[in-house]
């Protein structure tokens, strides 16, 4: 299993818009056959900060996810453009 932990920080003006895109990305990603889990959370203390927890069956499932229309539209051409900061870590399950 492959796990990604990603934290995004947005400006306060963009946070709600980014949140809407992240919700749609979560919903659509959960429908993919290689996705085990896809969760999005928003910080209570810093509402412009979001955390994603993604679990994939294997590296091929992650590659398939990145190639989807919804990932390209929402993440690459939306969320990442709005983000002030993106920190990501990809790990393998032990």
PDB file of N, CA and C in Angstrom:
ATOM      1  N   UNK A   1       0.851  -1.182   0.000  1.00  0.00           N
ATOM      2  CA  UNK A   1       0.000   0.000   0.000  1.00  0.00           C
ATOM      3  C   UNK A   1       0.888   1.233   0.000  1.00  0.00           C
ATOM      4  N   UNK A   2       0.435   2.264  -0.689  1.00  0.00           N
ATOM      5  CA  UNK A   2       1.137   3.532  -0.795  1.00  0.00           C
ATOM      6  C   UNK A   2       0.289   4.604  -0.121  1.00  0.00           C
ATOM      7  N   UNK A   3       0.915   5.443   0.691  1.00  0.00           N
ATOM      8  CA  UNK A   3       0.194   6.480   1.442  1.00  0.00           C
ATOM      9  C   UNK A   3       0.783   7.840   1.100  1.00  0.00           C
ATOM     10  N   UNK A   4      -0.081   8.812   0.887  1.00  0.00           N
ATOM     11  CA  UNK A   4       0.345  10.198   0.705  1.00  0.00           C
ATOM     12  C   UNK A   4      -0.303  11.047   1.785  1.00  0.00           C
ATOM     13  N   UNK A   5       0.512  11.880   2.402  1.00  0.00           N
ATOM     14  CA  UNK A   5       0.035  12.874   3.358  1.00  0.00           C
ATOM     15  C   UNK A   5       0.410  14.234   2.786  1.00  0.00           C
ATOM     16  N   UNK A   6      -0.593  15.070   2.572  1.00  0.00           N
ATOM     17  CA  UNK A   6      -0.365  16.363   1.928  1.00  0.00           C
ATOM     18  C   UNK A   6      -1.027  17.459   2.745  1.00  0.00           C
ATOM     19  N   UNK A   7      -0.294  18.545   2.948  1.00  0.00           N
ATOM     20  CA  UNK A   7      -0.833  19.733   3.612  1.00  0.00           C
ATOM     21  C   UNK A   7      -0.768  20.906   2.647  1.00  0.00           C
ATOM     22  N   UNK A   8      -1.891  21.596   2.523  1.00  0.00           N
ATOM     23  CA  UNK A   8      -1.976  22.789   1.693  1.00  0.00           C
ATOM     24  C   UNK A   8      -2.297  23.982   2.581  1.00  0.00           C
ATOM     25  N   UNK A   9      -1.688  25.117   2.259  1.00  0.00           N
ATOM     26  CA  UNK A   9      -2.039  26.385   2.886  1.00  0.00           C
ATOM     27  C   UNK A   9      -2.467  27.340   1.781  1.00  0.00           C
ATOM     28  N   UNK A  10      -3.605  27.980   1.993  1.00  0.00           N
ATOM     29  CA  UNK A  10      -4.160  28.927   1.037  1.00  0.00           C
ATOM     30  C   UNK A  10      -4.299  30.291   1.697  1.00  0.00           C
ATOM     31  N   UNK A  11      -4.483  31.314   0.911  1.00  0.00           N
ATOM     32  CA  UNK A  11      -4.827  32.614   1.491  1.00  0.00           C
ATOM     33  C   UNK A  11      -6.242  32.492   2.047  1.00  0.00           C
ATOM     34  N   UNK A  12      -6.569  33.329   2.994  1.00  0.00           N
ATOM     35  CA  UNK A  12      -7.928  33.265   3.565  1.00  0.00           C
ATOM     36  C   UNK A  12      -8.979  33.558   2.496  1.00  0.00           C
ATOM     37  N   UNK A  13      -8.630  34.370   1.508  1.00  0.00           N
ATOM     38  CA  UNK A  13      -9.576  34.691   0.430  1.00  0.00           C
ATOM     39  C   UNK A  13      -9.848  33.492  -0.472  1.00  0.00           C
ATOM     40  N   UNK A  14      -8.899  32.555  -0.581  1.00  0.00           N
ATOM     41  CA  UNK A  14      -9.046  31.401  -1.463  1.00  0.00           C
ATOM     42  C   UNK A  14      -9.441  30.110  -0.745  1.00  0.00           C
ATOM     43  N   UNK A  15      -9.453  30.116   0.577  1.00  0.00           N
ATOM     44  CA  UNK A  15      -9.635  28.880   1.342  1.00  0.00           C
ATOM     45  C   UNK A  15     -10.978  28.201   1.073  1.00  0.00           C
ATOM     46  N   UNK A  16     -12.059  28.922   1.046  1.00  0.00           N
ATOM     47  CA  UNK A  16     -13.367  28.288   0.815  1.00  0.00           C
ATOM     48  C   UNK A  16     -13.467  27.715  -0.595  1.00  0.00           C
ATOM     49  N   UNK A  17     -12.961  28.446  -1.567  1.00  0.00           N
ATOM     50  CA  UNK A  17     -12.961  27.950  -2.957  1.00  0.00           C
ATOM     51  C   UNK A  17     -12.118  26.684  -3.064  1.00  0.00           C
ATOM     52  N   UNK A  18     -10.935  26.697  -2.445  1.00  0.00           N
ATOM     53  CA  UNK A  18     -10.081  25.512  -2.441  1.00  0.00           C
ATOM     54  C   UNK A  18     -10.772  24.356  -1.729  1.00  0.00           C
ATOM     55  N   UNK A  19     -11.458  24.648  -0.633  1.00  0.00           N
ATOM     56  CA  UNK A  19     -12.185  23.616   0.096  1.00  0.00           C
ATOM     57  C   UNK A  19     -13.233  22.941  -0.756  1.00  0.00           C
ATOM     58  N   UNK A  20     -13.940  23.708  -1.557  1.00  0.00           N
ATOM     59  CA  UNK A  20     -14.942  23.135  -2.460  1.00  0.00           C
ATOM     60  C   UNK A  20     -14.290  22.203  -3.483  1.00  0.00           C
ATOM     61  N   UNK A  21     -13.141  22.624  -4.024  1.00  0.00           N
ATOM     62  CA  UNK A  21     -12.437  21.779  -4.991  1.00  0.00           C
ATOM     63  C   UNK A  21     -11.908  20.509  -4.319  1.00  0.00           C
ATOM     64  N   UNK A  22     -11.404  20.644  -3.105  1.00  0.00           N
ATOM     65  CA  UNK A  22     -10.894  19.478  -2.382  1.00  0.00           C
ATOM     66  C   UNK A  22     -12.012  18.488  -2.062  1.00  0.00           C
ATOM     67  N   UNK A  23     -13.195  18.989  -1.731  1.00  0.00           N
ATOM     68  CA  UNK A  23     -14.344  18.100  -1.477  1.00  0.00           C
ATOM     69  C   UNK A  23     -14.702  17.315  -2.732  1.00  0.00           C
ATOM     70  N   UNK A  24     -14.728  17.999  -3.871  1.00  0.00           N
ATOM     71  CA  UNK A  24     -15.039  17.298  -5.119  1.00  0.00           C
ATOM     72  C   UNK A  24     -13.946  16.287  -5.456  1.00  0.00           C
ATOM     73  N   UNK A  25     -12.676  16.663  -5.260  1.00  0.00           N
ATOM     74  CA  UNK A  25     -11.572  15.745  -5.513  1.00  0.00           C
ATOM     75  C   UNK A  25     -11.689  14.509  -4.623  1.00  0.00           C
ATOM     76  N   UNK A  26     -12.041  14.712  -3.369  1.00  0.00           N
ATOM     77  CA  UNK A  26     -12.229  13.595  -2.439  1.00  0.00           C
ATOM     78  C   UNK A  26     -13.328  12.657  -2.932  1.00  0.00           C
ATOM     79  N   UNK A  27     -14.464  13.230  -3.279  1.00  0.00           N
ATOM     80  CA  UNK A  27     -15.616  12.446  -3.721  1.00  0.00           C
ATOM     81  C   UNK A  27     -15.293  11.643  -4.979  1.00  0.00           C
ATOM     82  N   UNK A  28     -14.695  12.293  -5.958  1.00  0.00           N
ATOM     83  CA  UNK A  28     -14.392  11.605  -7.219  1.00  0.00           C
ATOM     84  C   UNK A  28     -13.274  10.575  -7.056  1.00  0.00           C
ATOM     85  N   UNK A  29     -12.275  10.892  -6.244  1.00  0.00           N
ATOM     86  CA  UNK A  29     -11.148   9.980  -6.045  1.00  0.00           C
ATOM     87  C   UNK A  29     -11.583   8.699  -5.354  1.00  0.00           C
ATOM     88  N   UNK A  30     -12.528   8.792  -4.453  1.00  0.00           N
ATOM     89  CA  UNK A  30     -13.011   7.605  -3.745  1.00  0.00           C
ATOM     90  C   UNK A  30     -13.672   6.596  -4.680  1.00  0.00           C
ATOM     91  N   UNK A  31     -14.068   7.033  -5.858  1.00  0.00           N
ATOM     92  CA  UNK A  31     -14.700   6.139  -6.829  1.00  0.00           C
ATOM     93  C   UNK A  31     -13.684   5.349  -7.651  1.00  0.00           C
ATOM     94  N   UNK A  32     -12.413   5.710  -7.576  1.00  0.00           N
ATOM     95  CA  UNK A  32     -11.384   5.044  -8.372  1.00  0.00           C
ATOM     96  C   UNK A  32     -11.082   3.660  -7.789  1.00  0.00           C
ATOM     97  N   UNK A  33     -10.906   2.658  -8.645  1.00  0.00           N
ATOM     98  CA  UNK A  33     -10.710   1.288  -8.151  1.00  0.00           C
ATOM     99  C   UNK A  33      -9.450   1.081  -7.311  1.00  0.00           C
ATOM    100  N   UNK A  34      -8.370   1.827  -7.553  1.00  0.00           N
ATOM    101  CA  UNK A  34      -7.134   1.627  -6.798  1.00  0.00           C
ATOM    102  C   UNK A  34      -7.007   2.464  -5.544  1.00  0.00           C
ATOM    103  N   UNK A  35      -8.019   3.299  -5.281  1.00  0.00           N
ATOM    104  CA  UNK A  35      -7.985   4.155  -4.097  1.00  0.00           C
ATOM    105  C   UNK A  35      -8.622   3.406  -2.929  1.00  0.00           C
ATOM    106  N   UNK A  36      -7.848   3.236  -1.868  1.00  0.00           N
ATOM    107  CA  UNK A  36      -8.361   2.584  -0.664  1.00  0.00           C
ATOM    108  C   UNK A  36      -9.053   3.606   0.226  1.00  0.00           C
ATOM    109  N   UNK A  37      -8.429   4.772   0.391  1.00  0.00           N
ATOM    110  CA  UNK A  37      -8.994   5.842   1.225  1.00  0.00           C
ATOM    111  C   UNK A  37      -8.533   7.184   0.684  1.00  0.00           C
ATOM    112  N   UNK A  38      -9.398   8.176   0.810  1.00  0.00           N
ATOM    113  CA  UNK A  38      -9.054   9.531   0.393  1.00  0.00           C
ATOM    114  C   UNK A  38      -9.820  10.470   1.313  1.00  0.00           C
ATOM    115  N   UNK A  39      -9.117  11.096   2.246  1.00  0.00           N
ATOM    116  CA  UNK A  39      -9.753  11.969   3.233  1.00  0.00           C
ATOM    117  C   UNK A  39      -9.179  13.369   3.139  1.00  0.00           C
ATOM    118  N   UNK A  40     -10.057  14.347   3.341  1.00  0.00           N
ATOM    119  CA  UNK A  40      -9.648  15.747   3.378  1.00  0.00           C
ATOM    120  C   UNK A  40     -10.149  16.338   4.684  1.00  0.00           C
ATOM    121  N   UNK A  41      -9.266  17.067   5.374  1.00  0.00           N
ATOM    122  CA  UNK A  41      -9.648  17.744   6.609  1.00  0.00           C
ATOM    123  C   UNK A  41      -9.223  19.199   6.564  1.00  0.00           C
ATOM    124  N   UNK A  42      -9.890  19.998   7.385  1.00  0.00           N
ATOM    125  CA  UNK A  42      -9.593  21.437   7.468  1.00  0.00           C
ATOM    126  C   UNK A  42      -9.262  21.786   8.908  1.00  0.00           C
ATOM    127  N   UNK A  43      -8.216  22.555   9.091  1.00  0.00           N
ATOM    128  CA  UNK A  43      -7.774  22.937  10.431  1.00  0.00           C
ATOM    129  C   UNK A  43      -8.803  23.827  11.123  1.00  0.00           C
ATOM    130  N   UNK A  44      -9.073  23.545  12.381  1.00  0.00           N
ATOM    131  CA  UNK A  44      -9.966  24.398  13.168  1.00  0.00           C
ATOM    132  C   UNK A  44      -9.263  25.691  13.556  1.00  0.00           C
ATOM    133  N   UNK A  45      -7.982  25.576  13.909  1.00  0.00           N
ATOM    134  CA  UNK A  45      -7.235  26.742  14.369  1.00  0.00           C
ATOM    135  C   UNK A  45      -6.792  27.654  13.228  1.00  0.00           C
ATOM    136  N   UNK A  46      -6.507  27.049  12.072  1.00  0.00           N
ATOM    137  CA  UNK A  46      -6.046  27.805  10.897  1.00  0.00           C
ATOM    138  C   UNK A  46      -6.869  27.346   9.696  1.00  0.00           C
ATOM    139  N   UNK A  47      -8.049  27.924   9.495  1.00  0.00           N
ATOM    140  CA  UNK A  47      -8.987  27.428   8.476  1.00  0.00           C
ATOM    141  C   UNK A  47      -8.514  27.534   7.029  1.00  0.00           C
ATOM    142  N   UNK A  48      -7.357  28.117   6.796  1.00  0.00           N
ATOM    143  CA  UNK A  48      -6.815  28.159   5.438  1.00  0.00           C
ATOM    144  C   UNK A  48      -5.855  26.995   5.189  1.00  0.00           C
ATOM    145  N   UNK A  49      -5.751  26.091   6.187  1.00  0.00           N
ATOM    146  CA  UNK A  49      -4.873  24.927   6.081  1.00  0.00           C
ATOM    147  C   UNK A  49      -5.728  23.665   5.967  1.00  0.00           C
ATOM    148  N   UNK A  50      -5.409  22.836   4.958  1.00  0.00           N
ATOM    149  CA  UNK A  50      -6.109  21.582   4.714  1.00  0.00           C
ATOM    150  C   UNK A  50      -5.108  20.439   4.727  1.00  0.00           C
ATOM    151  N   UNK A  51      -5.563  19.274   5.155  1.00  0.00           N
ATOM    152  CA  UNK A  51      -4.728  18.080   5.160  1.00  0.00           C
ATOM    153  C   UNK A  51      -5.434  16.986   4.378  1.00  0.00           C
ATOM    154  N   UNK A  52      -4.667  16.285   3.563  1.00  0.00           N
ATOM    155  CA  UNK A  52      -5.194  15.155   2.795  1.00  0.00           C
ATOM    156  C   UNK A  52      -4.474  13.895   3.241  1.00  0.00           C
ATOM    157  N   UNK A  53      -5.232  12.809   3.346  1.00  0.00           N
ATOM    158  CA  UNK A  53      -4.694  11.478   3.641  1.00  0.00           C
ATOM    159  C   UNK A  53      -5.192  10.570   2.538  1.00  0.00           C
ATOM    160  N   UNK A  54      -4.250  10.047   1.753  1.00  0.00           N
ATOM    161  CA  UNK A  54      -4.605   9.242   0.592  1.00  0.00           C
ATOM    162  C   UNK A  54      -3.919   7.886   0.692  1.00  0.00           C
ATOM    163  N   UNK A  55      -4.686   6.827   0.479  1.00  0.00           N
ATOM    164  CA  UNK A  55      -4.129   5.472   0.478  1.00  0.00           C
ATOM    165  C   UNK A  55      -4.456   4.817  -0.861  1.00  0.00           C
ATOM    166  N   UNK A  56      -3.404   4.275  -1.483  1.00  0.00           N
ATOM    167  CA  UNK A  56      -3.532   3.635  -2.788  1.00  0.00           C
ATOM    168  C   UNK A  56      -3.084   2.185  -2.702  1.00  0.00           C
ATOM    169  N   UNK A  57      -3.676   1.349  -3.509  1.00  0.00           N
ATOM    170  CA  UNK A  57      -3.346  -0.068  -3.547  1.00  0.00           C
ATOM    171  C   UNK A  57      -1.861  -0.268  -3.853  1.00  0.00           C
ATOM    172  N   UNK A  58      -1.348   0.511  -4.821  1.00  0.00           N
ATOM    173  CA  UNK A  58       0.053   0.390  -5.228  1.00  0.00           C
ATOM    174  C   UNK A  58       0.433   1.619  -6.051  1.00  0.00           C
ATOM    175  N   UNK A  59       1.659   1.635  -6.575  1.00  0.00           N
ATOM    176  CA  UNK A  59       2.126   2.775  -7.361  1.00  0.00           C
ATOM    177  C   UNK A  59       1.326   2.964  -8.648  1.00  0.00           C
ATOM    178  N   UNK A  60       0.888   1.876  -9.244  1.00  0.00           N
ATOM    179  CA  UNK A  60       0.076   1.981 -10.459  1.00  0.00           C
ATOM    180  C   UNK A  60      -1.251   2.689 -10.163  1.00  0.00           C
ATOM    181  N   UNK A  61      -1.837   2.427  -9.009  1.00  0.00           N
ATOM    182  CA  UNK A  61      -3.086   3.100  -8.631  1.00  0.00           C
ATOM    183  C   UNK A  61      -2.865   4.607  -8.475  1.00  0.00           C
ATOM    184  N   UNK A  62      -1.727   4.981  -7.908  1.00  0.00           N
ATOM    185  CA  UNK A  62      -1.408   6.405  -7.779  1.00  0.00           C
ATOM    186  C   UNK A  62      -1.194   7.028  -9.160  1.00  0.00           C
ATOM    187  N   UNK A  63      -0.473   6.349 -10.039  1.00  0.00           N
ATOM    188  CA  UNK A  63      -0.275   6.867 -11.400  1.00  0.00           C
ATOM    189  C   UNK A  63      -1.617   7.031 -12.121  1.00  0.00           C
ATOM    190  N   UNK A  64      -2.504   6.063 -11.950  1.00  0.00           N
ATOM    191  CA  UNK A  64      -3.834   6.149 -12.571  1.00  0.00           C
ATOM    192  C   UNK A  64      -4.615   7.328 -12.025  1.00  0.00           C
ATOM    193  N   UNK A  65      -4.517   7.548 -10.716  1.00  0.00           N
ATOM    194  CA  UNK A  65      -5.203   8.673 -10.072  1.00  0.00           C
ATOM    195  C   UNK A  65      -4.731  10.002 -10.660  1.00  0.00           C
ATOM    196  N   UNK A  66      -3.423  10.156 -10.772  1.00  0.00           N
ATOM    197  CA  UNK A  66      -2.841  11.402 -11.283  1.00  0.00           C
ATOM    198  C   UNK A  66      -3.239  11.648 -12.734  1.00  0.00           C
ATOM    199  N   UNK A  67      -3.517  10.611 -13.477  1.00  0.00           N
ATOM    200  CA  UNK A  67      -3.885  10.737 -14.890  1.00  0.00           C
ATOM    201  C   UNK A  67      -5.366  11.038 -15.106  1.00  0.00           C
ATOM    202  N   UNK A  68      -6.194  10.982 -14.066  1.00  0.00           N
ATOM    203  CA  UNK A  68      -7.636  11.193 -14.253  1.00  0.00           C
ATOM    204  C   UNK A  68      -7.947  12.639 -14.631  1.00  0.00           C
ATOM    205  N   UNK A  69      -9.066  12.798 -15.294  1.00  0.00           N
ATOM    206  CA  UNK A  69      -9.532  14.138 -15.671  1.00  0.00           C
ATOM    207  C   UNK A  69      -9.773  14.981 -14.431  1.00  0.00           C
ATOM    208  N   UNK A  70     -10.406  14.402 -13.412  1.00  0.00           N
ATOM    209  CA  UNK A  70     -10.732  15.198 -12.228  1.00  0.00           C
ATOM    210  C   UNK A  70      -9.485  15.624 -11.464  1.00  0.00           C
ATOM    211  N   UNK A  71      -8.447  14.797 -11.424  1.00  0.00           N
ATOM    212  CA  UNK A  71      -7.207  15.210 -10.757  1.00  0.00           C
ATOM    213  C   UNK A  71      -6.546  16.353 -11.523  1.00  0.00           C
ATOM    214  N   UNK A  72      -6.463  16.229 -12.827  1.00  0.00           N
ATOM    215  CA  UNK A  72      -5.844  17.280 -13.636  1.00  0.00           C
ATOM    216  C   UNK A  72      -6.613  18.601 -13.507  1.00  0.00           C
ATOM    217  N   UNK A  73      -7.927  18.510 -13.570  1.00  0.00           N
ATOM    218  CA  UNK A  73      -8.770  19.718 -13.501  1.00  0.00           C
ATOM    219  C   UNK A  73      -8.747  20.346 -12.114  1.00  0.00           C
ATOM    220  N   UNK A  74      -8.970  19.530 -11.085  1.00  0.00           N
ATOM    221  CA  UNK A  74      -9.115  20.067  -9.740  1.00  0.00           C
ATOM    222  C   UNK A  74      -7.784  20.317  -9.032  1.00  0.00           C
ATOM    223  N   UNK A  75      -6.870  19.363  -9.108  1.00  0.00           N
ATOM    224  CA  UNK A  75      -5.605  19.496  -8.371  1.00  0.00           C
ATOM    225  C   UNK A  75      -4.575  20.307  -9.155  1.00  0.00           C
ATOM    226  N   UNK A  76      -4.228  19.847 -10.342  1.00  0.00           N
ATOM    227  CA  UNK A  76      -3.155  20.490 -11.098  1.00  0.00           C
ATOM    228  C   UNK A  76      -3.555  21.894 -11.549  1.00  0.00           C
ATOM    229  N   UNK A  77      -4.750  22.036 -12.109  1.00  0.00           N
ATOM    230  CA  UNK A  77      -5.169  23.320 -12.675  1.00  0.00           C
ATOM    231  C   UNK A  77      -6.066  24.140 -11.758  1.00  0.00           C
ATOM    232  N   UNK A  78      -6.202  23.725 -10.517  1.00  0.00           N
ATOM    233  CA  UNK A  78      -7.044  24.451  -9.562  1.00  0.00           C
ATOM    234  C   UNK A  78      -6.361  24.620  -8.216  1.00  0.00           C
ATOM    235  N   UNK A  79      -6.387  23.568  -7.425  1.00  0.00           N
ATOM    236  CA  UNK A  79      -5.891  23.608  -6.054  1.00  0.00           C
ATOM    237  C   UNK A  79      -4.431  24.049  -5.981  1.00  0.00           C
ATOM    238  N   UNK A  80      -3.590  23.431  -6.782  1.00  0.00           N
ATOM    239  CA  UNK A  80      -2.159  23.765  -6.719  1.00  0.00           C
ATOM    240  C   UNK A  80      -1.874  25.196  -7.147  1.00  0.00           C
ATOM    241  N   UNK A  81      -2.672  25.730  -8.055  1.00  0.00           N
ATOM    242  CA  UNK A  81      -2.478  27.121  -8.480  1.00  0.00           C
ATOM    243  C   UNK A  81      -2.887  28.103  -7.391  1.00  0.00           C
ATOM    244  N   UNK A  82      -3.861  27.735  -6.590  1.00  0.00           N
ATOM    245  CA  UNK A  82      -4.317  28.600  -5.501  1.00  0.00           C
ATOM    246  C   UNK A  82      -3.429  28.501  -4.255  1.00  0.00           C
ATOM    247  N   UNK A  83      -2.750  27.395  -4.090  1.00  0.00           N
ATOM    248  CA  UNK A  83      -2.000  27.130  -2.855  1.00  0.00           C
ATOM    249  C   UNK A  83      -0.826  28.085  -2.675  1.00  0.00           C
ATOM    250  N   UNK A  84      -0.684  28.570  -1.455  1.00  0.00           N
ATOM    251  CA  UNK A  84       0.498  29.348  -1.087  1.00  0.00           C
ATOM    252  C   UNK A  84       1.636  28.397  -0.725  1.00  0.00           C
ATOM    253  N   UNK A  85       1.263  27.233  -0.176  1.00  0.00           N
ATOM    254  CA  UNK A  85       2.257  26.243   0.224  1.00  0.00           C
ATOM    255  C   UNK A  85       1.668  24.845   0.069  1.00  0.00           C
ATOM    256  N   UNK A  86       2.515  23.912  -0.357  1.00  0.00           N
ATOM    257  CA  UNK A  86       2.125  22.504  -0.465  1.00  0.00           C
ATOM    258  C   UNK A  86       3.271  21.665   0.081  1.00  0.00           C
ATOM    259  N   UNK A  87       2.962  20.839   1.081  1.00  0.00           N
ATOM    260  CA  UNK A  87       3.950  19.914   1.639  1.00  0.00           C
ATOM    261  C   UNK A  87       3.387  18.509   1.494  1.00  0.00           C
ATOM    262  N   UNK A  88       4.157  17.642   0.856  1.00  0.00           N
ATOM    263  CA  UNK A  88       3.682  16.278   0.589  1.00  0.00           C
ATOM    264  C   UNK A  88       4.745  15.270   0.968  1.00  0.00           C
ATOM    265  N   UNK A  89       4.269  14.139   1.437  1.00  0.00           N
ATOM    266  CA  UNK A  89       5.137  13.016   1.755  1.00  0.00           C
ATOM    267  C   UNK A  89       4.456  11.751   1.259  1.00  0.00           C
ATOM    268  N   UNK A  90       5.202  10.934   0.508  1.00  0.00           N
ATOM    269  CA  UNK A  90       4.697   9.653   0.037  1.00  0.00           C
ATOM    270  C   UNK A  90       5.490   8.559   0.729  1.00  0.00           C
ATOM    271  N   UNK A  91       4.775   7.620   1.332  1.00  0.00           N
ATOM    272  CA  UNK A  91       5.427   6.535   2.074  1.00  0.00           C
ATOM    273  C   UNK A  91       4.781   5.202   1.695  1.00  0.00           C
ATOM    274  N   UNK A  92       5.513   4.133   1.955  1.00  0.00           N
ATOM    275  CA  UNK A  92       4.996   2.789   1.767  1.00  0.00           C
ATOM    276  C   UNK A  92       4.578   2.239   3.108  1.00  0.00           C
ATOM    277  N   UNK A  93       3.485   1.515   3.125  1.00  0.00           N
ATOM    278  CA  UNK A  93       3.027   0.878   4.351  1.00  0.00           C
ATOM    279  C   UNK A  93       4.013  -0.228   4.755  1.00  0.00           C
ATOM    280  N   UNK A  94       4.275  -0.319   6.039  1.00  0.00           N
ATOM    281  CA  UNK A  94       5.197  -1.347   6.550  1.00  0.00           C
ATOM    282  C   UNK A  94       4.481  -2.647   6.811  1.00  0.00           C
TER     283      UNK A  94
END
